[in-house]
Amino acid sequence: MTDTSRRADILRDFHVPPEALAAAPPARRDDVRLLVGRQGTGEVGHHAFRDLPGLLQAGDVLVVNTSRTLPSAVDGQLGGDPVVAHFSTRRDDGRWVVEIRDPDGRGSTVRRAGGPAGAVVQLTGGGKLTLDEPMDPCGDRLWIASPSTPDMVSHLRQYGRPIRYAYTDRDQPLSAYQTVFATPSPDGGGSAEMPSAARPFTAPLVTELVSRGVQIAPIVLHTGVASAEAYEPPYAEPYSVPATTAWQVNAARAAGGRVIAVGTTAVRALETAADTRGVVRPAQGWTDLVITPERGVRAVDGLLTGLHEPEASHLLMLRAVSGDDLLERVYAEALQHRYLWHEFGDVNLLLP
């Protein structure tokens, strides 16, 4: 086994103890810890998130995802049994990628066997959802489905609630799943799950960053449901990189500034719009880009992100940004010092 393979195994096989799963949002959004890893020195440092402005430099660009989180979980009935439909991604043909789950009796859900094709879910609030085909012929977790309701987003806003998983202790209001950067989309679209790396930001913190010369550049990527259960790679998601953001990123890099993505979604969108030299152009559409250590990153110098479980495909992207040595050190520190995982947890800054 090569040394690189050994490190990759360590990153894949670590165990997150139950007490390290953030069960509820902190009292203050910015009251989380920030674990900083520096590629050049290999140094790992422990900070409060409110220290972020002092860790960045004038001329740096933070690329943020402005997608709003939708109340994407809707109750229903399938064959007489209660189910919960997680609406993930709205396709161009009006159909949706969905995941059908069983209630767990504690307000959350557990995975169920998918399908079969042709099965019909009767949705709370009226209307039905017909499961047409599995999104992946080799799997049955995610399905392409046809809703009878023409405006499913409006239905979600009226009858849906935020998706939550069993590691959280109770339902939270939709506002708990919005970031300070969230902006309504012209077509009403949004994310099935919060682009959570940006959750700790507050308006005063953003003001301080800007006052220190750090630029904020928006992109949009509407995220689908998490895929941590089966080592699934991310699937195609709609994105947009506006001309102003492309200009900011290119100008910063030309001037020696650093481009730091806030969240893996921002990396995916920006790298999709970048050419082989790292020059970013305005772009929009669908991205199926999977960033691996072999592919590397071209436009992104650093990454602010949450902590990811070993089965999450996001770790491939983190390895591409930081390298295995630093990432192994960062995760060892996170486990030793009991950092908190998931959307309400602590965050990790990987700097060049």
Foldseek 3Di string as FASTA:
>chain_A
DDPQVVLLVLLQDDDDDLLQADQDFDPALQQAKEWEAEQVVLDIDIGRSLCVLVVFAALEEEEEAQFAAFLQWWWWAWPNAIWIKGFFAQDPVRWTKIFIFHDPVQAATDHDFADDQQTWTATPPGWIKGFHAAPDVVGGGITTIHIPDRPVRVVRNVGGHQHDHDSHRHGDHSVQQGAPSHDQDPVRDGANGHLQLRRSDDPVSVVSNVVNNYHYAYKHWHGGDFDLPALDFGAKTWIWHDAVNLVSLVVSVVVVYAYEYRHPRSQQRQQVQADPQQRGHTDTDIGGDQAALVNAGHRHQKYKYFDDHSSGSVVRVVCSNRNSSSVSVSVVVCSVVSWHGDRSTHMYIYHD
